Amino acid sequence: MARGTLEVLLVGAKGLENTDFLSNMDPYAIITCRTQEHKSSVASGKGSDPEWNETFVFTVSDDVPELLIKLLDSDGVSADDFVGEAKIPLEPLFLEGSVPPMSYNVVKDEEYCGEIKIGLKFTRERRCERGFGEEEESYGGWKESSY
């Protein structure tokens, strides 16, 4: 099982259902990977087509099945409204190393309600093969003599 760093580029969304009746909604995203969670900035007044262009970093292993992105509308007076969510499978990312920004369906109550654009990059953790204090010359082989 490989461990490493997952970089998530939250580009933007389009075609989201506006949950505010009198004005444009103020969407934000909560990105969850197992027990780790990051929250984007609020795209104030951006309505159905917000842009964030923000990057979030998670520490993951390659057995994590998916990334969950929940979109909400920030409401100052009442509780924030749930706009929809996208589940992004991570297996292709672990095979390829990166997935360029592409659109994923946002769903609410099992119905399509817009798209979110996400880019992904996985960097494997490099493991040190030698112990501390060992130098390459101690592995045997020929050394040049000093005379």
N, C-alpha and C. Protein backbone atom coordinates (compact mmCIF):
# COMPACT_ATOMS: atom_id res chain seq x y z
N MET A 1 0.84 -1.17 0.00
CA MET A 1 0.00 0.00 0.00
C MET A 1 0.89 1.25 0.00
N ALA A 2 0.74 2.07 -1.02
CA ALA A 2 1.54 3.28 -1.14
C ALA A 2 0.86 4.44 -0.42
N ARG A 3 1.69 5.27 0.21
CA ARG A 3 1.18 6.47 0.84
C ARG A 3 1.72 7.66 0.07
N GLY A 4 1.04 8.80 0.23
CA GLY A 4 1.53 9.98 -0.44
C GLY A 4 0.64 11.18 -0.20
N THR A 5 0.84 12.17 -1.06
CA THR A 5 0.13 13.43 -0.95
C THR A 5 -0.87 13.56 -2.10
N LEU A 6 -2.09 13.88 -1.76
CA LEU A 6 -3.14 14.13 -2.76
C LEU A 6 -3.38 15.62 -2.81
N GLU A 7 -3.16 16.20 -4.00
CA GLU A 7 -3.45 17.62 -4.20
C GLU A 7 -4.75 17.72 -4.99
N VAL A 8 -5.67 18.50 -4.46
CA VAL A 8 -6.97 18.69 -5.10
C VAL A 8 -7.07 20.15 -5.53
N LEU A 9 -7.20 20.38 -6.85
CA LEU A 9 -7.40 21.73 -7.37
C LEU A 9 -8.89 21.92 -7.61
N LEU A 10 -9.51 22.76 -6.79
CA LEU A 10 -10.93 23.09 -6.93
C LEU A 10 -11.01 24.29 -7.87
N VAL A 11 -11.38 24.04 -9.12
CA VAL A 11 -11.41 25.09 -10.13
C VAL A 11 -12.68 25.91 -10.01
N GLY A 12 -13.83 25.26 -10.17
CA GLY A 12 -15.11 25.98 -10.11
C GLY A 12 -16.26 25.04 -10.36
N ALA A 13 -17.44 25.62 -10.50
CA ALA A 13 -18.65 24.84 -10.77
C ALA A 13 -19.50 25.61 -11.76
N LYS A 14 -20.43 24.89 -12.39
CA LYS A 14 -21.35 25.58 -13.29
C LYS A 14 -22.69 24.86 -13.29
N GLY A 15 -23.73 25.65 -13.56
CA GLY A 15 -25.07 25.09 -13.67
C GLY A 15 -25.67 24.63 -12.36
N LEU A 16 -25.15 25.12 -11.23
CA LEU A 16 -25.69 24.72 -9.94
C LEU A 16 -27.09 25.30 -9.74
N GLU A 17 -27.90 24.59 -9.00
CA GLU A 17 -29.25 25.08 -8.70
C GLU A 17 -29.13 26.18 -7.65
N ASN A 18 -29.63 27.36 -7.97
CA ASN A 18 -29.56 28.49 -7.05
C ASN A 18 -30.54 28.27 -5.90
N THR A 19 -30.04 28.21 -4.68
CA THR A 19 -30.89 27.95 -3.53
C THR A 19 -31.43 29.24 -2.91
N ASP A 20 -30.92 30.40 -3.35
CA ASP A 20 -31.43 31.68 -2.85
C ASP A 20 -32.47 32.22 -3.82
N PHE A 21 -33.60 32.65 -3.28
CA PHE A 21 -34.70 33.12 -4.14
C PHE A 21 -34.54 34.57 -4.57
N LEU A 22 -34.02 35.42 -3.69
CA LEU A 22 -33.98 36.84 -3.99
C LEU A 22 -32.63 37.35 -4.49
N SER A 23 -31.58 36.53 -4.34
CA SER A 23 -30.25 36.97 -4.76
C SER A 23 -29.42 35.77 -5.21
N ASN A 24 -28.21 36.05 -5.66
CA ASN A 24 -27.31 34.96 -6.02
C ASN A 24 -26.80 34.28 -4.75
N MET A 25 -26.64 32.96 -4.83
CA MET A 25 -26.14 32.23 -3.66
C MET A 25 -24.64 32.47 -3.50
N ASP A 26 -24.15 32.11 -2.32
CA ASP A 26 -22.74 32.26 -1.96
C ASP A 26 -22.16 30.87 -1.70
N PRO A 27 -21.81 30.15 -2.78
CA PRO A 27 -21.39 28.75 -2.62
C PRO A 27 -19.98 28.57 -2.06
N TYR A 28 -19.80 27.45 -1.38
CA TYR A 28 -18.49 26.99 -0.93
C TYR A 28 -18.49 25.48 -0.97
N ALA A 29 -17.29 24.89 -0.88
CA ALA A 29 -17.15 23.44 -0.96
C ALA A 29 -16.49 22.90 0.30
N ILE A 30 -16.94 21.72 0.72
CA ILE A 30 -16.26 20.98 1.77
C ILE A 30 -15.74 19.71 1.11
N ILE A 31 -14.43 19.54 1.12
CA ILE A 31 -13.79 18.40 0.46
C ILE A 31 -13.35 17.42 1.55
N THR A 32 -13.83 16.18 1.44
CA THR A 32 -13.55 15.17 2.46
C THR A 32 -12.85 13.97 1.85
N CYS A 33 -11.78 13.55 2.50
CA CYS A 33 -11.05 12.35 2.12
C CYS A 33 -10.87 11.53 3.39
N ARG A 34 -11.69 10.50 3.53
CA ARG A 34 -11.76 9.71 4.77
C ARG A 34 -12.03 10.62 5.95
N THR A 35 -11.08 10.80 6.86
CA THR A 35 -11.33 11.62 8.05
C THR A 35 -10.80 13.04 7.92
N GLN A 36 -10.12 13.35 6.81
CA GLN A 36 -9.58 14.69 6.60
C GLN A 36 -10.59 15.54 5.85
N GLU A 37 -10.66 16.81 6.22
CA GLU A 37 -11.65 17.69 5.60
C GLU A 37 -11.06 19.09 5.42
N HIS A 38 -11.35 19.69 4.26
CA HIS A 38 -10.95 21.07 3.99
C HIS A 38 -12.17 21.83 3.48
N LYS A 39 -12.21 23.12 3.80
CA LYS A 39 -13.31 23.98 3.35
C LYS A 39 -12.75 25.08 2.46
N SER A 40 -13.40 25.29 1.32
CA SER A 40 -12.97 26.36 0.41
C SER A 40 -13.44 27.71 0.94
N SER A 41 -12.99 28.75 0.28
CA SER A 41 -13.51 30.08 0.59
C SER A 41 -14.94 30.16 0.06
N VAL A 42 -15.69 31.13 0.54
CA VAL A 42 -17.05 31.35 0.07
C VAL A 42 -16.98 32.25 -1.17
N ALA A 43 -17.59 31.79 -2.27
CA ALA A 43 -17.63 32.58 -3.50
C ALA A 43 -18.84 33.52 -3.41
N SER A 44 -18.66 34.63 -2.70
CA SER A 44 -19.76 35.54 -2.39
C SER A 44 -20.42 36.10 -3.65
N GLY A 45 -21.74 35.90 -3.73
CA GLY A 45 -22.53 36.44 -4.83
C GLY A 45 -22.27 35.82 -6.19
N LYS A 46 -21.53 34.71 -6.24
CA LYS A 46 -21.18 34.11 -7.54
C LYS A 46 -22.27 33.21 -8.09
N GLY A 47 -23.29 32.90 -7.31
CA GLY A 47 -24.44 32.18 -7.81
C GLY A 47 -24.15 30.78 -8.29
N SER A 48 -24.69 30.44 -9.46
CA SER A 48 -24.65 29.08 -10.00
C SER A 48 -23.34 28.72 -10.68
N ASP A 49 -22.47 29.70 -10.92
CA ASP A 49 -21.22 29.45 -11.64
C ASP A 49 -20.00 30.00 -10.89
N PRO A 50 -19.74 29.51 -9.69
CA PRO A 50 -18.62 30.04 -8.90
C PRO A 50 -17.27 29.56 -9.42
N GLU A 51 -16.23 30.35 -9.12
CA GLU A 51 -14.85 29.95 -9.40
C GLU A 51 -14.06 30.13 -8.12
N TRP A 52 -13.19 29.13 -7.83
CA TRP A 52 -12.36 29.19 -6.63
C TRP A 52 -10.88 29.19 -6.97
N ASN A 53 -10.45 28.24 -7.81
CA ASN A 53 -9.03 28.07 -8.13
C ASN A 53 -8.19 27.97 -6.85
N GLU A 54 -8.59 27.04 -5.98
CA GLU A 54 -7.90 26.80 -4.72
C GLU A 54 -7.38 25.37 -4.68
N THR A 55 -6.23 25.19 -4.03
CA THR A 55 -5.63 23.86 -3.92
C THR A 55 -5.65 23.41 -2.46
N PHE A 56 -5.98 22.13 -2.27
CA PHE A 56 -6.04 21.54 -0.93
C PHE A 56 -5.17 20.29 -0.93
N VAL A 57 -4.51 20.01 0.18
CA VAL A 57 -3.58 18.89 0.26
C VAL A 57 -4.03 17.92 1.35
N PHE A 58 -4.06 16.64 0.99
CA PHE A 58 -4.42 15.56 1.90
C PHE A 58 -3.28 14.55 1.94
N THR A 59 -3.10 13.87 3.06
CA THR A 59 -2.18 12.74 3.14
C THR A 59 -3.03 11.49 3.03
N VAL A 60 -2.73 10.65 2.02
CA VAL A 60 -3.59 9.49 1.74
C VAL A 60 -2.77 8.24 1.45
N SER A 61 -3.44 7.11 1.46
CA SER A 61 -2.87 5.87 0.96
C SER A 61 -3.66 5.50 -0.29
N ASP A 62 -3.08 4.63 -1.12
CA ASP A 62 -3.73 4.34 -2.41
C ASP A 62 -4.91 3.37 -2.29
N ASP A 63 -5.38 3.12 -1.07
CA ASP A 63 -6.58 2.30 -0.93
C ASP A 63 -7.82 3.15 -0.61
N VAL A 64 -7.67 4.48 -0.66
CA VAL A 64 -8.81 5.38 -0.46
C VAL A 64 -9.66 5.32 -1.72
N PRO A 65 -10.95 4.93 -1.62
CA PRO A 65 -11.74 4.72 -2.82
C PRO A 65 -12.21 6.00 -3.53
N GLU A 66 -12.51 7.07 -2.75
CA GLU A 66 -13.09 8.25 -3.40
C GLU A 66 -12.88 9.50 -2.57
N LEU A 67 -13.12 10.61 -3.25
CA LEU A 67 -13.08 11.93 -2.66
C LEU A 67 -14.51 12.45 -2.69
N LEU A 68 -14.97 13.04 -1.59
CA LEU A 68 -16.34 13.56 -1.53
C LEU A 68 -16.28 15.08 -1.48
N ILE A 69 -17.04 15.71 -2.36
CA ILE A 69 -17.11 17.17 -2.38
C ILE A 69 -18.57 17.57 -2.19
N LYS A 70 -18.83 18.28 -1.10
CA LYS A 70 -20.18 18.79 -0.82
C LYS A 70 -20.19 20.28 -1.11
N LEU A 71 -21.21 20.71 -1.84
CA LEU A 71 -21.37 22.13 -2.12
C LEU A 71 -22.51 22.67 -1.27
N LEU A 72 -22.25 23.80 -0.63
CA LEU A 72 -23.25 24.44 0.22
C LEU A 72 -23.35 25.91 -0.13
N ASP A 73 -24.47 26.51 0.26
CA ASP A 73 -24.71 27.93 0.07
C ASP A 73 -24.63 28.59 1.44
N SER A 74 -23.69 29.49 1.61
CA SER A 74 -23.51 30.17 2.88
C SER A 74 -24.64 31.17 3.10
N ASP A 75 -25.37 31.00 4.19
CA ASP A 75 -26.45 31.91 4.56
C ASP A 75 -26.12 32.54 5.90
N GLY A 76 -26.10 33.85 5.94
CA GLY A 76 -25.74 34.55 7.17
C GLY A 76 -26.76 34.40 8.28
N VAL A 77 -28.05 34.34 7.93
CA VAL A 77 -29.12 34.34 8.93
C VAL A 77 -29.52 32.93 9.34
N SER A 78 -29.72 32.05 8.37
CA SER A 78 -30.18 30.69 8.67
C SER A 78 -29.06 29.69 8.40
N ALA A 79 -29.37 28.41 8.59
CA ALA A 79 -28.40 27.35 8.32
C ALA A 79 -28.04 27.33 6.84
N ASP A 80 -26.79 26.94 6.54
CA ASP A 80 -26.35 26.87 5.15
C ASP A 80 -27.15 25.80 4.40
N ASP A 81 -27.47 26.11 3.13
CA ASP A 81 -28.25 25.19 2.30
C ASP A 81 -27.35 24.20 1.58
N PHE A 82 -27.77 22.94 1.54
CA PHE A 82 -27.06 21.90 0.80
C PHE A 82 -27.41 22.06 -0.68
N VAL A 83 -26.39 22.23 -1.52
CA VAL A 83 -26.59 22.42 -2.96
C VAL A 83 -26.50 21.09 -3.70
N GLY A 84 -25.52 20.26 -3.32
CA GLY A 84 -25.33 18.97 -3.97
C GLY A 84 -23.95 18.44 -3.62
N GLU A 85 -23.64 17.25 -4.16
CA GLU A 85 -22.34 16.66 -3.89
C GLU A 85 -21.83 15.89 -5.09
N ALA A 86 -20.52 15.68 -5.10
CA ALA A 86 -19.88 14.89 -6.14
C ALA A 86 -18.95 13.90 -5.46
N LYS A 87 -18.97 12.66 -5.95
CA LYS A 87 -18.06 11.64 -5.47
C LYS A 87 -17.10 11.32 -6.61
N ILE A 88 -15.81 11.47 -6.33
CA ILE A 88 -14.80 11.30 -7.37
C ILE A 88 -13.98 10.05 -7.06
N PRO A 89 -14.04 9.03 -7.94
CA PRO A 89 -13.24 7.83 -7.72
C PRO A 89 -11.75 8.15 -7.86
N LEU A 90 -10.93 7.59 -6.97
CA LEU A 90 -9.51 7.90 -6.96
C LEU A 90 -8.62 6.85 -7.61
N GLU A 91 -9.16 5.68 -7.93
CA GLU A 91 -8.34 4.62 -8.52
C GLU A 91 -7.60 5.07 -9.79
N PRO A 92 -8.28 5.76 -10.73
CA PRO A 92 -7.55 6.22 -11.93
C PRO A 92 -6.38 7.15 -11.59
N LEU A 93 -6.55 7.95 -10.54
CA LEU A 93 -5.49 8.86 -10.12
C LEU A 93 -4.27 8.09 -9.63
N PHE A 94 -4.48 7.05 -8.83
CA PHE A 94 -3.37 6.28 -8.29
C PHE A 94 -2.62 5.53 -9.40
N LEU A 95 -3.32 5.18 -10.49
CA LEU A 95 -2.67 4.52 -11.62
C LEU A 95 -1.89 5.50 -12.48
N GLU A 96 -2.46 6.69 -12.70
CA GLU A 96 -1.86 7.68 -13.61
C GLU A 96 -0.94 8.68 -12.93
N GLY A 97 -1.19 9.00 -11.66
CA GLY A 97 -0.40 10.00 -10.95
C GLY A 97 -1.04 11.37 -10.94
N SER A 98 -1.77 11.69 -12.02
CA SER A 98 -2.49 12.97 -12.05
C SER A 98 -3.67 12.87 -13.01
N VAL A 99 -4.66 13.67 -12.73
CA VAL A 99 -5.84 13.78 -13.59
C VAL A 99 -6.04 15.28 -13.84
N PRO A 100 -5.97 15.73 -15.10
CA PRO A 100 -6.12 17.16 -15.37
C PRO A 100 -7.52 17.62 -14.97
N PRO A 101 -7.71 18.93 -14.76
CA PRO A 101 -9.03 19.42 -14.37
C PRO A 101 -10.12 18.95 -15.34
N MET A 102 -11.13 18.31 -14.77
CA MET A 102 -12.25 17.85 -15.56
C MET A 102 -13.52 18.00 -14.74
N SER A 103 -14.67 17.94 -15.43
CA SER A 103 -15.96 18.14 -14.77
C SER A 103 -16.55 16.84 -14.27
N TYR A 104 -17.15 16.91 -13.09
CA TYR A 104 -17.86 15.78 -12.47
C TYR A 104 -19.27 16.24 -12.14
N ASN A 105 -20.21 15.31 -12.24
CA ASN A 105 -21.60 15.64 -11.95
C ASN A 105 -21.82 15.92 -10.47
N VAL A 106 -22.61 16.95 -10.21
CA VAL A 106 -23.06 17.25 -8.85
C VAL A 106 -24.49 16.73 -8.76
N VAL A 107 -24.78 15.97 -7.72
CA VAL A 107 -26.11 15.39 -7.57
C VAL A 107 -26.71 15.77 -6.22
N LYS A 108 -28.03 15.84 -6.21
CA LYS A 108 -28.79 16.08 -4.98
C LYS A 108 -30.05 15.23 -5.08
N ASP A 109 -30.29 14.41 -4.08
CA ASP A 109 -31.44 13.48 -4.12
C ASP A 109 -31.41 12.62 -5.38
N GLU A 110 -30.20 12.15 -5.75
CA GLU A 110 -29.97 11.29 -6.90
C GLU A 110 -30.34 11.93 -8.24
N GLU A 111 -30.41 13.27 -8.27
CA GLU A 111 -30.69 13.98 -9.52
C GLU A 111 -29.55 14.94 -9.84
N TYR A 112 -29.22 15.03 -11.12
CA TYR A 112 -28.17 15.93 -11.61
C TYR A 112 -28.56 17.37 -11.29
N CYS A 113 -27.60 18.13 -10.75
CA CYS A 113 -27.90 19.55 -10.47
C CYS A 113 -26.68 20.45 -10.70
N GLY A 114 -25.86 20.10 -11.69
CA GLY A 114 -24.72 20.93 -12.05
C GLY A 114 -23.44 20.12 -12.18
N GLU A 115 -22.34 20.84 -12.35
CA GLU A 115 -21.03 20.21 -12.51
C GLU A 115 -20.00 20.95 -11.68
N ILE A 116 -18.98 20.20 -11.28
CA ILE A 116 -17.85 20.79 -10.56
C ILE A 116 -16.58 20.37 -11.28
N LYS A 117 -15.65 21.32 -11.40
CA LYS A 117 -14.40 21.05 -12.12
C LYS A 117 -13.27 20.91 -11.10
N ILE A 118 -12.60 19.73 -11.18
CA ILE A 118 -11.57 19.36 -10.21
C ILE A 118 -10.35 18.80 -10.94
N GLY A 119 -9.16 19.17 -10.49
CA GLY A 119 -7.92 18.56 -10.95
C GLY A 119 -7.28 17.82 -9.78
N LEU A 120 -6.62 16.69 -10.06
CA LEU A 120 -6.04 15.87 -9.00
C LEU A 120 -4.59 15.50 -9.30
N LYS A 121 -3.78 15.41 -8.24
CA LYS A 121 -2.40 14.96 -8.40
C LYS A 121 -2.02 14.13 -7.17
N PHE A 122 -1.42 12.97 -7.41
CA PHE A 122 -0.96 12.11 -6.33
C PHE A 122 0.55 11.98 -6.41
N THR A 123 1.25 12.29 -5.32
CA THR A 123 2.70 12.16 -5.26
C THR A 123 3.03 11.11 -4.22
N ARG A 124 3.63 10.02 -4.67
CA ARG A 124 4.00 8.93 -3.75
C ARG A 124 5.07 9.39 -2.78
N GLU A 125 4.94 8.91 -1.56
CA GLU A 125 5.94 9.18 -0.53
C GLU A 125 7.18 8.35 -0.87
N ARG A 126 8.32 8.98 -0.86
CA ARG A 126 9.56 8.25 -1.14
C ARG A 126 10.09 7.70 0.17
N ARG A 127 10.47 6.43 0.12
CA ARG A 127 11.02 5.80 1.32
C ARG A 127 12.52 5.72 1.20
N CYS A 128 13.18 6.03 2.26
CA CYS A 128 14.64 5.98 2.28
C CYS A 128 15.07 4.52 2.43
N GLU A 129 15.91 4.05 1.53
CA GLU A 129 16.33 2.65 1.55
C GLU A 129 17.46 2.40 2.55
N ARG A 130 18.23 3.43 2.87
CA ARG A 130 19.36 3.26 3.78
C ARG A 130 18.98 3.73 5.17
N GLY A 131 19.65 3.17 6.15
CA GLY A 131 19.43 3.59 7.52
C GLY A 131 20.16 4.89 7.79
N PHE A 132 19.88 5.49 8.93
CA PHE A 132 20.54 6.74 9.30
C PHE A 132 22.02 6.50 9.53
N GLY A 133 22.85 7.43 9.08
CA GLY A 133 24.27 7.35 9.35
C GLY A 133 25.06 6.51 8.36
N GLU A 134 24.39 5.70 7.56
CA GLU A 134 25.11 4.88 6.59
C GLU A 134 25.49 5.73 5.39
N GLU A 135 26.65 5.46 4.86
CA GLU A 135 27.07 6.15 3.66
C GLU A 135 27.15 5.14 2.53
N GLU A 136 27.08 5.63 1.30
CA GLU A 136 27.06 4.73 0.16
C GLU A 136 28.28 3.83 0.10
N GLU A 137 29.44 4.34 0.54
CA GLU A 137 30.66 3.55 0.46
C GLU A 137 30.62 2.31 1.33
N SER A 138 29.76 2.25 2.30
CA SER A 138 29.71 1.11 3.22
C SER A 138 28.98 -0.08 2.62
N TYR A 139 28.52 0.02 1.37
CA TYR A 139 27.79 -1.08 0.74
C TYR A 139 28.71 -2.10 0.08
N GLY A 140 29.99 -1.96 0.27
CA GLY A 140 30.90 -2.92 -0.37
C GLY A 140 31.31 -2.41 -1.74
N GLY A 141 31.96 -3.27 -2.49
CA GLY A 141 32.44 -2.82 -3.78
C GLY A 141 33.83 -2.26 -3.64
N TRP A 142 34.36 -1.69 -4.70
CA TRP A 142 35.75 -1.23 -4.72
C TRP A 142 35.84 0.21 -4.31
N LYS A 143 36.88 0.49 -3.53
CA LYS A 143 37.21 1.86 -3.20
C LYS A 143 38.58 2.16 -3.81
N GLU A 144 38.77 3.40 -4.19
CA GLU A 144 40.08 3.76 -4.72
C GLU A 144 41.07 3.84 -3.58
N SER A 145 42.26 3.30 -3.79
CA SER A 145 43.25 3.36 -2.72
C SER A 145 43.88 4.74 -2.71
N SER A 146 44.36 5.12 -1.55
CA SER A 146 44.91 6.46 -1.41
C SER A 146 46.39 6.54 -1.79
N TYR A 147 47.05 5.45 -2.26
CA TYR A 147 48.45 5.57 -2.65
C TYR A 147 48.68 5.51 -4.11
